[in-house]
């Protein structure tokens, strides 16, 4: 027997239905801090160091994402 259930709801409604926390305030604070950093004159190498610390698997994860973006920006890619 096969049963299909289709639920039509917004992502916000789905989050509430599953009991997941609302991370909007955290996201807003993160974006505000990033804007402050860029408005304060952050240099590209400073941003790279920040991303290295946040990237999964450190340097290896950062290298993976760099190769992925480079491949996506090549003509015909």
Protein backbone atom coordinates (compact mmCIF):
# COMPACT_ATOMS: atom_id res chain seq x y z
CA UNK A 1 0.00 0.00 0.00
CA UNK A 2 1.28 3.44 -0.87
CA UNK A 3 0.01 6.67 0.67
CA UNK A 4 0.92 10.12 -0.59
CA UNK A 5 0.36 13.19 1.53
CA UNK A 6 0.75 16.62 -0.04
CA UNK A 7 1.11 19.62 2.24
CA UNK A 8 0.78 23.12 0.85
CA UNK A 9 2.36 25.59 3.24
CA UNK A 10 4.97 28.32 3.39
CA UNK A 11 8.46 27.62 4.75
CA UNK A 12 7.50 29.55 7.89
CA UNK A 13 4.42 27.38 8.40
CA UNK A 14 6.48 24.21 7.85
CA UNK A 15 9.06 25.39 10.40
CA UNK A 16 6.37 25.96 13.00
CA UNK A 17 4.64 22.66 12.20
CA UNK A 18 7.87 20.73 12.79
CA UNK A 19 8.63 22.71 15.95
CA UNK A 20 11.89 24.16 14.66
CA UNK A 21 13.18 27.38 16.25
CA UNK A 22 12.84 30.73 14.52
CA UNK A 23 16.41 31.80 13.71
CA UNK A 24 15.42 35.08 12.06
CA UNK A 25 16.83 37.25 14.91
CA UNK A 26 20.17 35.41 14.73
CA UNK A 27 20.28 35.76 10.95
CA UNK A 28 19.47 39.47 11.17
CA UNK A 29 22.22 40.01 13.78
CA UNK A 30 24.71 38.10 11.60
CA UNK A 31 23.87 40.20 8.54
CA UNK A 32 24.14 43.41 10.58
CA UNK A 33 27.61 42.42 11.84
CA UNK A 34 28.74 41.57 8.31
CA UNK A 35 27.50 44.95 7.05
CA UNK A 36 29.34 46.72 9.88
CA UNK A 37 32.52 44.87 8.99
CA UNK A 38 32.27 45.83 5.32
CA UNK A 39 31.31 49.42 6.09
CA UNK A 40 34.24 49.60 8.51
CA UNK A 41 36.70 48.96 5.70
CA UNK A 42 37.35 45.24 5.92
CA UNK A 43 40.07 44.16 3.52
CA UNK A 44 39.62 41.11 1.27
CA UNK A 45 42.31 39.14 3.11
CA UNK A 46 40.53 39.77 6.41
CA UNK A 47 37.31 38.40 4.95
CA UNK A 48 39.18 35.35 3.64
CA UNK A 49 40.48 34.62 7.15
CA UNK A 50 36.96 34.90 8.56
CA UNK A 51 35.62 32.47 5.96
CA UNK A 52 38.49 30.03 6.60
CA UNK A 53 37.48 29.87 10.25
CA UNK A 54 33.83 29.26 9.41
CA UNK A 55 34.35 26.89 6.49
CA UNK A 56 33.72 23.20 7.11
CA UNK A 57 37.02 21.29 7.25
CA UNK A 58 38.99 24.55 7.43
CA UNK A 59 41.41 25.10 4.56
CA UNK A 60 40.30 21.99 2.63
CA UNK A 61 36.67 23.15 2.67
CA UNK A 62 37.66 26.63 1.54
CA UNK A 63 39.74 25.22 -1.32
CA UNK A 64 36.78 23.10 -2.42
CA UNK A 65 34.48 26.14 -2.59
CA UNK A 66 37.11 28.21 -4.41
CA UNK A 67 37.54 25.51 -7.08
CA UNK A 68 33.76 25.17 -7.39
CA UNK A 69 33.23 28.91 -7.93
CA UNK A 70 36.18 29.14 -10.30
CA UNK A 71 34.79 26.29 -12.40
CA UNK A 72 31.38 27.99 -12.49
CA UNK A 73 32.79 31.27 -13.73
CA UNK A 74 34.78 29.84 -16.63
CA UNK A 75 33.27 30.42 -20.08
CA UNK A 76 31.21 27.43 -21.16
CA UNK A 77 31.11 26.15 -17.54
